[in-house]
């Protein structure tokens, strides 16, 4: 007999006692009126939330492979919105980031700036970070007096909460 991942309760159904389990995910209207249960992570599944409530994300095709925690840039690819790595060296400002790695041509779940990127590594808590190359970060702003930085983007991304979390800001960017 299969085991249930959620807790159950006893209820009288059509005159008989039955064990009923809460839903960990919803299939839509067919599940109306049923009790819910948290998933293995202790949270409610997004399918159980009302429309408009849930993760603030945009699902968009990736035009290249993108690693977890990388900052990305939205752009028009033959008239369709796509996402690619943000890069301070080639006019690709950061519009958001991905928490999970994405293969080329796969659907990327992009989180907007002004949220916390929890897929980072090697950050110094309390330090500020700016956009680097290939979706990465650098620990200092580009020097506007350095002629090697002409045409590059200087974009502050946020402050490290921990070694793996960057609290991002949507402060805009400057082309040097």
N, C-alpha and C. Protein backbone atom coordinates (compact mmCIF):
# COMPACT_ATOMS: atom_id res chain seq x y z
N UNK A 1 0.84 -1.17 0.00
CA UNK A 1 0.00 0.00 0.00
C UNK A 1 0.89 1.24 0.00
N UNK A 2 0.56 2.23 -0.86
CA UNK A 2 1.35 3.47 -0.96
C UNK A 2 1.15 4.32 0.29
N UNK A 3 2.19 5.04 0.67
CA UNK A 3 2.08 5.93 1.82
C UNK A 3 1.83 7.35 1.35
N UNK A 4 1.11 8.12 2.14
CA UNK A 4 0.83 9.51 1.84
C UNK A 4 1.90 10.40 2.47
N UNK A 5 2.31 11.44 1.76
CA UNK A 5 3.31 12.37 2.27
C UNK A 5 2.69 13.40 3.20
N UNK A 6 1.36 13.53 3.18
CA UNK A 6 0.68 14.52 4.01
C UNK A 6 -0.07 13.84 5.14
N UNK A 7 -0.41 14.64 6.13
CA UNK A 7 -1.19 14.10 7.25
C UNK A 7 -2.64 13.92 6.82
N UNK A 8 -3.28 12.99 7.42
CA UNK A 8 -4.68 12.73 7.10
C UNK A 8 -5.56 12.94 8.32
N UNK A 9 -6.87 12.84 8.10
CA UNK A 9 -7.84 12.93 9.17
C UNK A 9 -8.98 11.98 8.85
N UNK A 10 -9.74 11.65 9.85
CA UNK A 10 -10.88 10.76 9.65
C UNK A 10 -12.14 11.59 9.45
N UNK A 11 -12.97 11.17 8.49
CA UNK A 11 -14.22 11.88 8.20
C UNK A 11 -15.29 10.85 7.86
N UNK A 12 -16.54 11.23 8.10
CA UNK A 12 -17.68 10.38 7.73
C UNK A 12 -18.08 10.77 6.31
N UNK A 13 -17.97 9.79 5.38
CA UNK A 13 -18.33 10.00 3.98
C UNK A 13 -19.34 8.92 3.61
N UNK A 14 -20.54 9.33 3.23
CA UNK A 14 -21.62 8.40 2.86
C UNK A 14 -21.85 7.36 3.95
N UNK A 15 -21.82 7.79 5.21
CA UNK A 15 -22.11 6.91 6.32
C UNK A 15 -20.95 6.02 6.76
N UNK A 16 -19.78 6.16 6.16
CA UNK A 16 -18.63 5.34 6.53
C UNK A 16 -17.47 6.24 6.93
N UNK A 17 -16.62 5.73 7.83
CA UNK A 17 -15.44 6.47 8.24
C UNK A 17 -14.33 6.24 7.22
N UNK A 18 -13.78 7.35 6.72
CA UNK A 18 -12.71 7.26 5.73
C UNK A 18 -11.57 8.17 6.16
N UNK A 19 -10.35 7.81 5.76
CA UNK A 19 -9.21 8.67 6.00
C UNK A 19 -9.07 9.58 4.78
N UNK A 20 -8.99 10.90 5.02
CA UNK A 20 -8.88 11.90 3.96
C UNK A 20 -7.54 12.62 4.12
N UNK A 21 -6.89 12.87 2.99
CA UNK A 21 -5.59 13.57 3.00
C UNK A 21 -5.74 14.94 2.35
N UNK A 22 -4.98 15.90 2.86
CA UNK A 22 -4.96 17.24 2.28
C UNK A 22 -4.22 17.22 0.94
N UNK A 23 -4.56 18.16 0.08
CA UNK A 23 -3.90 18.30 -1.22
C UNK A 23 -2.58 19.04 -1.07
N UNK A 24 -1.52 18.52 -1.66
CA UNK A 24 -0.24 19.23 -1.67
C UNK A 24 -0.09 20.07 -2.92
N UNK A 25 -0.91 19.80 -3.96
CA UNK A 25 -0.94 20.58 -5.20
C UNK A 25 -2.36 20.48 -5.77
N UNK A 26 -2.78 21.52 -6.47
CA UNK A 26 -4.14 21.56 -7.01
C UNK A 26 -4.16 21.30 -8.50
N UNK A 27 -5.20 20.58 -8.95
CA UNK A 27 -5.42 20.35 -10.37
C UNK A 27 -6.42 21.37 -10.92
N UNK A 28 -6.83 22.33 -10.09
CA UNK A 28 -7.76 23.36 -10.53
C UNK A 28 -9.14 23.17 -9.94
N UNK A 29 -10.17 23.55 -10.71
CA UNK A 29 -11.55 23.57 -10.23
C UNK A 29 -12.02 22.22 -9.67
N UNK A 30 -11.49 21.13 -10.16
CA UNK A 30 -11.89 19.80 -9.67
C UNK A 30 -11.54 19.62 -8.20
N UNK A 31 -10.60 20.40 -7.70
CA UNK A 31 -10.19 20.29 -6.30
C UNK A 31 -10.85 21.33 -5.40
N UNK A 32 -11.85 22.03 -5.90
CA UNK A 32 -12.54 23.06 -5.12
C UNK A 32 -13.10 22.48 -3.83
N UNK A 33 -12.94 23.20 -2.74
CA UNK A 33 -13.51 22.81 -1.45
C UNK A 33 -12.71 21.79 -0.68
N UNK A 34 -11.62 21.32 -1.21
CA UNK A 34 -10.81 20.31 -0.51
C UNK A 34 -9.81 20.99 0.42
N UNK A 35 -9.43 20.28 1.47
CA UNK A 35 -8.44 20.78 2.40
C UNK A 35 -7.05 20.68 1.79
N UNK A 36 -6.16 21.58 2.21
CA UNK A 36 -4.81 21.60 1.65
C UNK A 36 -3.78 21.22 2.71
N UNK A 37 -2.61 20.83 2.23
CA UNK A 37 -1.49 20.47 3.10
C UNK A 37 -0.22 21.07 2.52
N UNK A 38 0.74 21.31 3.37
CA UNK A 38 2.02 21.82 2.90
C UNK A 38 2.80 20.70 2.22
N UNK A 39 3.74 21.09 1.35
CA UNK A 39 4.57 20.13 0.65
C UNK A 39 5.75 19.70 1.50
N UNK A 40 6.68 18.98 0.90
CA UNK A 40 7.84 18.46 1.63
C UNK A 40 8.74 19.58 2.14
N UNK A 41 8.62 20.79 1.54
CA UNK A 41 9.41 21.93 2.01
C UNK A 41 8.71 22.72 3.10
N UNK A 42 7.52 22.26 3.51
CA UNK A 42 6.77 22.94 4.56
C UNK A 42 6.01 24.16 4.08
N UNK A 43 5.88 24.32 2.77
CA UNK A 43 5.19 25.48 2.19
C UNK A 43 4.05 25.03 1.31
N UNK A 44 3.12 25.95 1.06
CA UNK A 44 2.04 25.66 0.13
C UNK A 44 2.55 25.73 -1.30
N UNK A 45 2.09 24.82 -2.13
CA UNK A 45 2.43 24.81 -3.55
C UNK A 45 1.78 26.02 -4.22
N UNK A 46 2.45 26.61 -5.21
CA UNK A 46 1.92 27.78 -5.92
C UNK A 46 0.57 27.49 -6.57
N UNK A 47 0.29 26.22 -6.93
CA UNK A 47 -0.99 25.87 -7.56
C UNK A 47 -2.16 26.02 -6.60
N UNK A 48 -1.89 26.14 -5.30
CA UNK A 48 -2.94 26.29 -4.31
C UNK A 48 -3.24 27.76 -3.99
N UNK A 49 -2.47 28.66 -4.56
CA UNK A 49 -2.61 30.08 -4.26
C UNK A 49 -3.59 30.75 -5.22
N UNK A 50 -4.25 31.83 -4.76
CA UNK A 50 -5.14 32.58 -5.66
C UNK A 50 -4.35 33.22 -6.79
N UNK A 51 -5.02 33.51 -7.89
CA UNK A 51 -4.39 34.20 -9.00
C UNK A 51 -3.82 35.52 -8.50
N UNK A 52 -2.57 35.80 -8.87
CA UNK A 52 -1.92 37.03 -8.45
C UNK A 52 -1.10 36.89 -7.19
N UNK A 53 -1.20 35.75 -6.51
CA UNK A 53 -0.43 35.50 -5.29
C UNK A 53 0.56 34.39 -5.60
N UNK A 54 1.82 34.65 -5.32
CA UNK A 54 2.85 33.65 -5.57
C UNK A 54 4.16 34.33 -5.89
N UNK A 55 5.10 33.58 -6.37
CA UNK A 55 6.41 34.12 -6.70
C UNK A 55 6.29 35.15 -7.81
N UNK A 56 6.99 36.26 -7.64
CA UNK A 56 7.02 37.32 -8.63
C UNK A 56 8.10 36.94 -9.64
N UNK A 57 7.69 36.24 -10.69
CA UNK A 57 8.65 35.76 -11.69
C UNK A 57 8.11 35.97 -13.09
N UNK A 58 9.01 35.88 -14.05
CA UNK A 58 8.66 35.91 -15.46
C UNK A 58 9.27 34.67 -16.09
N UNK A 59 8.48 33.92 -16.84
CA UNK A 59 8.96 32.73 -17.54
C UNK A 59 9.23 33.13 -18.98
N UNK A 60 10.47 32.94 -19.43
CA UNK A 60 10.88 33.39 -20.77
C UNK A 60 11.96 32.45 -21.32
N UNK A 61 12.00 32.23 -22.62
CA UNK A 61 13.03 31.35 -23.18
C UNK A 61 14.44 31.93 -23.02
N UNK A 62 15.38 31.06 -22.75
CA UNK A 62 16.79 31.45 -22.66
C UNK A 62 17.44 31.24 -24.02
N UNK A 63 18.21 32.22 -24.47
CA UNK A 63 18.89 32.09 -25.77
C UNK A 63 20.32 31.59 -25.62
N UNK A 64 20.68 31.23 -24.40
CA UNK A 64 21.99 30.62 -24.11
C UNK A 64 21.89 29.91 -22.78
N UNK A 65 22.85 29.06 -22.47
CA UNK A 65 22.88 28.40 -21.17
C UNK A 65 23.18 29.44 -20.10
N UNK A 66 22.46 29.36 -18.99
CA UNK A 66 22.61 30.32 -17.90
C UNK A 66 22.76 29.55 -16.60
N UNK A 67 23.79 29.88 -15.84
CA UNK A 67 24.05 29.19 -14.58
C UNK A 67 23.19 29.72 -13.43
N UNK A 68 23.04 28.92 -12.40
CA UNK A 68 22.26 29.31 -11.22
C UNK A 68 22.85 30.56 -10.58
N UNK A 69 21.97 31.49 -10.19
CA UNK A 69 22.38 32.71 -9.52
C UNK A 69 22.85 33.82 -10.44
N UNK A 70 22.87 33.58 -11.74
CA UNK A 70 23.37 34.57 -12.70
C UNK A 70 22.34 35.67 -12.96
N UNK A 71 22.86 36.86 -13.24
CA UNK A 71 22.00 37.99 -13.59
C UNK A 71 21.78 37.96 -15.10
N UNK A 72 20.54 38.32 -15.50
CA UNK A 72 20.14 38.18 -16.90
C UNK A 72 19.58 39.48 -17.46
N UNK A 73 19.51 39.51 -18.78
CA UNK A 73 19.05 40.65 -19.55
C UNK A 73 17.93 40.21 -20.48
N UNK A 74 16.81 40.96 -20.47
CA UNK A 74 15.72 40.70 -21.40
C UNK A 74 16.03 41.40 -22.71
N UNK A 75 15.67 40.76 -23.84
CA UNK A 75 15.85 41.41 -25.14
C UNK A 75 14.92 40.78 -26.16
N UNK A 76 14.77 41.45 -27.30
CA UNK A 76 13.93 40.96 -28.38
C UNK A 76 14.78 40.09 -29.31
N UNK A 77 14.37 38.85 -29.45
CA UNK A 77 15.05 37.91 -30.33
C UNK A 77 14.08 37.58 -31.47
N UNK A 78 14.27 38.23 -32.62
CA UNK A 78 13.37 38.06 -33.77
C UNK A 78 11.92 38.36 -33.39
N UNK A 79 11.73 39.40 -32.56
CA UNK A 79 10.40 39.82 -32.17
C UNK A 79 9.82 39.11 -30.96
N UNK A 80 10.53 38.17 -30.38
CA UNK A 80 10.06 37.46 -29.19
C UNK A 80 10.98 37.77 -28.01
N UNK A 81 10.41 37.98 -26.84
CA UNK A 81 11.22 38.25 -25.66
C UNK A 81 12.02 37.00 -25.29
N UNK A 82 13.31 37.20 -25.07
CA UNK A 82 14.22 36.14 -24.63
C UNK A 82 15.04 36.69 -23.48
N UNK A 83 15.82 35.82 -22.88
CA UNK A 83 16.71 36.21 -21.79
C UNK A 83 18.11 35.66 -22.10
N UNK A 84 19.11 36.45 -21.72
CA UNK A 84 20.51 36.08 -21.90
C UNK A 84 21.29 36.62 -20.72
N UNK A 85 22.56 36.26 -20.62
CA UNK A 85 23.38 36.73 -19.51
C UNK A 85 23.56 38.25 -19.58
N UNK A 86 23.39 38.92 -18.44
CA UNK A 86 23.70 40.34 -18.34
C UNK A 86 25.22 40.48 -18.36
N UNK A 87 25.72 41.61 -18.83
CA UNK A 87 27.16 41.77 -18.97
C UNK A 87 27.50 43.26 -19.02
N UNK A 88 28.35 43.72 -18.11
CA UNK A 88 28.68 45.14 -18.07
C UNK A 88 29.54 45.58 -19.25
N UNK A 89 30.14 44.65 -19.97
CA UNK A 89 31.06 45.00 -21.05
C UNK A 89 30.39 45.15 -22.41
N UNK A 90 29.12 44.73 -22.54
CA UNK A 90 28.49 44.79 -23.87
C UNK A 90 27.05 45.31 -23.85
N UNK A 91 26.80 46.27 -22.95
CA UNK A 91 25.50 46.97 -22.89
C UNK A 91 24.32 46.07 -22.56
N UNK A 92 24.53 45.04 -21.78
CA UNK A 92 23.43 44.16 -21.36
C UNK A 92 23.20 44.36 -19.86
N UNK A 93 22.35 45.33 -19.52
CA UNK A 93 22.07 45.59 -18.11
C UNK A 93 21.34 44.41 -17.48
N UNK A 94 21.42 44.30 -16.17
CA UNK A 94 20.72 43.24 -15.45
C UNK A 94 19.27 43.66 -15.25
N UNK A 95 18.35 42.82 -15.72
CA UNK A 95 16.92 43.03 -15.53
C UNK A 95 16.36 42.11 -14.46
N UNK A 96 17.11 41.09 -14.08
CA UNK A 96 16.69 40.12 -13.09
C UNK A 96 17.75 39.05 -12.95
N UNK A 97 17.39 37.92 -12.36
CA UNK A 97 18.33 36.82 -12.16
C UNK A 97 17.58 35.51 -12.15
N UNK A 98 18.32 34.41 -12.32
CA UNK A 98 17.74 33.07 -12.22
C UNK A 98 18.30 32.39 -10.98
N UNK A 99 17.50 31.59 -10.34
CA UNK A 99 17.97 30.83 -9.17
C UNK A 99 18.46 29.45 -9.56
N UNK A 100 17.92 28.92 -10.67
CA UNK A 100 18.30 27.59 -11.14
C UNK A 100 18.95 27.70 -12.51
N UNK A 101 19.89 26.82 -12.79
CA UNK A 101 20.54 26.79 -14.10
C UNK A 101 19.50 26.51 -15.19
N UNK A 102 19.73 27.09 -16.36
CA UNK A 102 18.81 26.96 -17.49
C UNK A 102 19.61 26.58 -18.73
N UNK A 103 19.14 25.60 -19.47
CA UNK A 103 19.79 25.21 -20.72
C UNK A 103 19.39 26.15 -21.85
N UNK A 104 20.21 26.23 -22.87
CA UNK A 104 19.88 27.02 -24.04
C UNK A 104 18.54 26.55 -24.61
N UNK A 105 17.66 27.49 -24.94
CA UNK A 105 16.32 27.25 -25.51
C UNK A 105 15.30 26.75 -24.49
N UNK A 106 15.69 26.56 -23.23
CA UNK A 106 14.74 26.14 -22.19
C UNK A 106 14.04 27.36 -21.60
N UNK A 107 12.97 27.12 -20.88
CA UNK A 107 12.23 28.21 -20.22
C UNK A 107 12.94 28.59 -18.92
N UNK A 108 13.28 29.87 -18.80
CA UNK A 108 13.96 30.38 -17.61
C UNK A 108 12.94 31.03 -16.69
N UNK A 109 13.05 30.77 -15.39
CA UNK A 109 12.25 31.47 -14.40
C UNK A 109 13.10 32.62 -13.89
N UNK A 110 12.71 33.84 -14.27
CA UNK A 110 13.49 35.04 -13.95
C UNK A 110 12.83 35.78 -12.79
N UNK A 111 13.63 36.07 -11.77
CA UNK A 111 13.19 36.84 -10.61
C UNK A 111 13.61 38.29 -10.82
N UNK A 112 12.73 39.25 -10.52
CA UNK A 112 13.07 40.65 -10.73
C UNK A 112 14.05 41.17 -9.69
N UNK A 113 14.71 42.28 -10.02
CA UNK A 113 15.53 42.97 -9.03
C UNK A 113 14.59 43.50 -7.94
N UNK A 114 15.12 43.88 -6.81
CA UNK A 114 14.37 44.27 -5.61
C UNK A 114 13.86 43.05 -4.85
N UNK A 115 14.48 41.90 -5.08
CA UNK A 115 14.20 40.68 -4.33
C UNK A 115 15.56 40.11 -3.91
N UNK A 116 15.58 38.95 -3.28
CA UNK A 116 16.84 38.38 -2.80
C UNK A 116 17.26 37.19 -3.64
N UNK A 117 18.44 37.31 -4.25
CA UNK A 117 19.02 36.21 -5.03
C UNK A 117 19.70 35.28 -4.03
N UNK A 118 19.11 34.11 -3.83
CA UNK A 118 19.60 33.14 -2.84
C UNK A 118 20.46 32.05 -3.47
N UNK A 119 20.87 32.24 -4.72
CA UNK A 119 21.66 31.22 -5.41
C UNK A 119 23.09 31.69 -5.69
N UNK A 120 23.59 32.58 -4.86
CA UNK A 120 24.93 33.14 -5.04
C UNK A 120 25.94 32.32 -4.23
N UNK A 121 27.22 32.55 -4.47
CA UNK A 121 28.28 31.93 -3.68
C UNK A 121 29.40 32.93 -3.47
N UNK A 122 30.14 32.78 -2.39
CA UNK A 122 31.35 33.55 -2.14
C UNK A 122 31.17 35.02 -1.86
N UNK A 123 30.00 35.43 -1.41
CA UNK A 123 29.78 36.84 -1.11
C UNK A 123 30.30 37.19 0.29
N UNK A 124 30.63 38.45 0.49
CA UNK A 124 31.06 38.95 1.81
C UNK A 124 29.86 39.67 2.44
N UNK A 125 29.28 39.13 3.51
CA UNK A 125 28.11 39.76 4.12
C UNK A 125 28.36 41.25 4.42
N UNK A 126 27.38 42.07 4.02
CA UNK A 126 27.47 43.51 4.22
C UNK A 126 28.13 44.25 3.08
N UNK A 127 28.78 43.54 2.16
CA UNK A 127 29.46 44.19 1.04
C UNK A 127 28.47 44.46 -0.10
N UNK A 128 28.72 45.52 -0.85
CA UNK A 128 27.93 45.88 -2.02
C UNK A 128 28.54 45.23 -3.25
N UNK A 129 27.68 44.92 -4.23
CA UNK A 129 28.14 44.28 -5.47
C UNK A 129 27.54 44.98 -6.69
N UNK A 130 28.31 44.96 -7.78
CA UNK A 130 27.93 45.56 -9.05
C UNK A 130 27.94 44.49 -10.13
N UNK A 131 27.29 44.79 -11.25
CA UNK A 131 27.26 43.87 -12.37
C UNK A 131 28.65 43.68 -12.96
N UNK A 132 29.01 42.43 -13.18
CA UNK A 132 30.28 42.08 -13.83
C UNK A 132 30.00 41.57 -15.23
N UNK A 133 30.79 40.62 -15.68
CA UNK A 133 30.60 40.03 -17.00
C UNK A 133 29.95 38.66 -16.87
N UNK A 134 29.35 38.20 -17.95
CA UNK A 134 28.74 36.86 -18.03
C UNK A 134 27.78 36.58 -16.88
N UNK A 135 26.97 37.58 -16.49
CA UNK A 135 25.95 37.39 -15.46
C UNK A 135 26.48 37.41 -14.04
N UNK A 136 27.77 37.67 -13.89
CA UNK A 136 28.39 37.67 -12.56
C UNK A 136 28.39 39.03 -11.89
N UNK A 137 29.03 39.08 -10.74
CA UNK A 137 29.12 40.32 -9.97
C UNK A 137 30.57 40.66 -9.71
N UNK A 138 30.79 41.94 -9.39
CA UNK A 138 32.11 42.41 -8.98
C UNK A 138 31.94 43.22 -7.71
N UNK A 139 32.99 43.28 -6.85
CA UNK A 139 32.85 43.93 -5.54
C UNK A 139 33.08 45.44 -5.54
N UNK A 140 33.22 46.06 -6.69
CA UNK A 140 33.43 47.52 -6.74
C UNK A 140 32.85 48.08 -8.02
N UNK A 141 32.43 49.33 -7.95
CA UNK A 141 31.93 50.01 -9.14
C UNK A 141 33.05 50.22 -10.14
N UNK A 142 32.70 50.25 -11.42
CA UNK A 142 33.69 50.55 -12.45
C UNK A 142 34.14 52.00 -12.29
N UNK A 143 35.40 52.25 -12.54
CA UNK A 143 35.97 53.59 -12.43
C UNK A 143 35.64 54.38 -13.70
N UNK A 144 34.85 55.44 -13.56
CA UNK A 144 34.43 56.22 -14.73
C UNK A 144 35.60 56.99 -15.35
N UNK A 145 36.68 57.20 -14.60
CA UNK A 145 37.85 57.92 -15.12
C UNK A 145 38.77 57.00 -15.92
N UNK A 146 38.57 55.69 -15.83
CA UNK A 146 39.41 54.73 -16.56
C UNK A 146 38.90 54.62 -17.99
N UNK A 147 39.72 54.98 -18.96
CA UNK A 147 39.30 54.94 -20.37
C UNK A 147 38.96 53.52 -20.84
N UNK A 148 39.45 52.51 -20.16
CA UNK A 148 39.12 51.12 -20.52
C UNK A 148 37.64 50.82 -20.23
N UNK A 149 36.99 51.66 -19.44
CA UNK A 149 35.58 51.42 -19.08
C UNK A 149 34.60 52.21 -19.94
N UNK A 150 35.08 52.98 -20.91
CA UNK A 150 34.18 53.75 -21.78
C UNK A 150 33.23 52.79 -22.50
N UNK A 151 31.94 53.11 -22.43
CA UNK A 151 30.91 52.30 -23.08
C UNK A 151 30.41 51.14 -22.24
N UNK A 152 31.04 50.88 -21.10
CA UNK A 152 30.60 49.78 -20.23
C UNK A 152 29.47 50.26 -19.32
N UNK A 153 28.74 49.30 -18.77
CA UNK A 153 27.64 49.59 -17.86
C UNK A 153 28.13 49.50 -16.42
N UNK A 154 27.80 50.52 -15.63
CA UNK A 154 28.05 50.47 -14.19
C UNK A 154 26.67 50.35 -13.54
N UNK A 155 26.40 49.20 -12.92
CA UNK A 155 25.09 48.93 -12.33
C UNK A 155 25.26 48.30 -10.96
N UNK A 156 24.86 49.03 -9.93
CA UNK A 156 24.88 48.47 -8.57
C UNK A 156 23.74 47.49 -8.46
N UNK A 157 24.03 46.28 -7.94
CA UNK A 157 23.02 45.23 -7.85
C UNK A 157 22.46 45.06 -6.44
N UNK A 158 23.25 45.34 -5.41
CA UNK A 158 22.73 45.20 -4.06
C UNK A 158 23.80 44.89 -3.05
N UNK A 159 23.33 44.43 -1.87
CA UNK A 159 24.23 44.16 -0.75
C UNK A 159 24.06 42.70 -0.31
N UNK A 160 25.18 42.09 0.06
CA UNK A 160 25.16 40.68 0.48
C UNK A 160 24.59 40.56 1.90
N UNK A 161 23.62 39.69 2.03
CA UNK A 161 23.04 39.36 3.34
C UNK A 161 23.86 38.26 3.99
N UNK A 162 24.38 37.36 3.16
CA UNK A 162 25.20 36.24 3.62
C UNK A 162 26.12 35.85 2.46
N UNK A 163 26.86 34.78 2.62
CA UNK A 163 27.76 34.31 1.56
C UNK A 163 26.99 33.83 0.33
N UNK A 164 25.69 33.54 0.49
CA UNK A 164 24.91 32.99 -0.61
C UNK A 164 23.68 33.82 -0.98
N UNK A 165 23.48 34.98 -0.32
CA UNK A 165 22.28 35.78 -0.57
C UNK A 165 22.64 37.23 -0.88
N UNK A 166 22.14 37.73 -2.02
CA UNK A 166 22.33 39.12 -2.40
C UNK A 166 20.97 39.79 -2.44
N UNK A 167 20.76 40.77 -1.55
CA UNK A 167 19.53 41.54 -1.53
C UNK A 167 19.67 42.58 -2.65
N UNK A 168 18.94 42.39 -3.74
CA UNK A 168 19.14 43.22 -4.92
C UNK A 168 18.30 44.49 -4.85
N UNK A 169 18.77 45.49 -5.58
CA UNK A 169 18.08 46.77 -5.74
C UNK A 169 17.94 47.04 -7.22
N UNK A 170 16.86 47.72 -7.60
CA UNK A 170 16.67 48.12 -8.98
C UNK A 170 17.00 49.61 -9.07
N UNK A 171 18.30 49.90 -9.07
CA UNK A 171 18.78 51.28 -9.03
C UNK A 171 19.07 51.85 -10.41
N UNK A 172 18.83 51.09 -11.45
CA UNK A 172 19.17 51.53 -12.80
C UNK A 172 20.65 51.35 -13.06
N UNK A 173 21.12 51.90 -14.17
CA UNK A 173 22.52 51.73 -14.55
C UNK A 173 22.98 52.98 -15.27
N UNK A 174 24.29 53.11 -15.40
CA UNK A 174 24.90 54.23 -16.10
C UNK A 174 25.85 53.65 -17.15
N UNK A 175 25.78 54.19 -18.37
CA UNK A 175 26.75 53.80 -19.39
C UNK A 175 27.91 54.78 -19.28
N UNK A 176 29.11 54.25 -19.02
CA UNK A 176 30.28 55.09 -18.84
C UNK A 176 30.84 55.57 -20.17
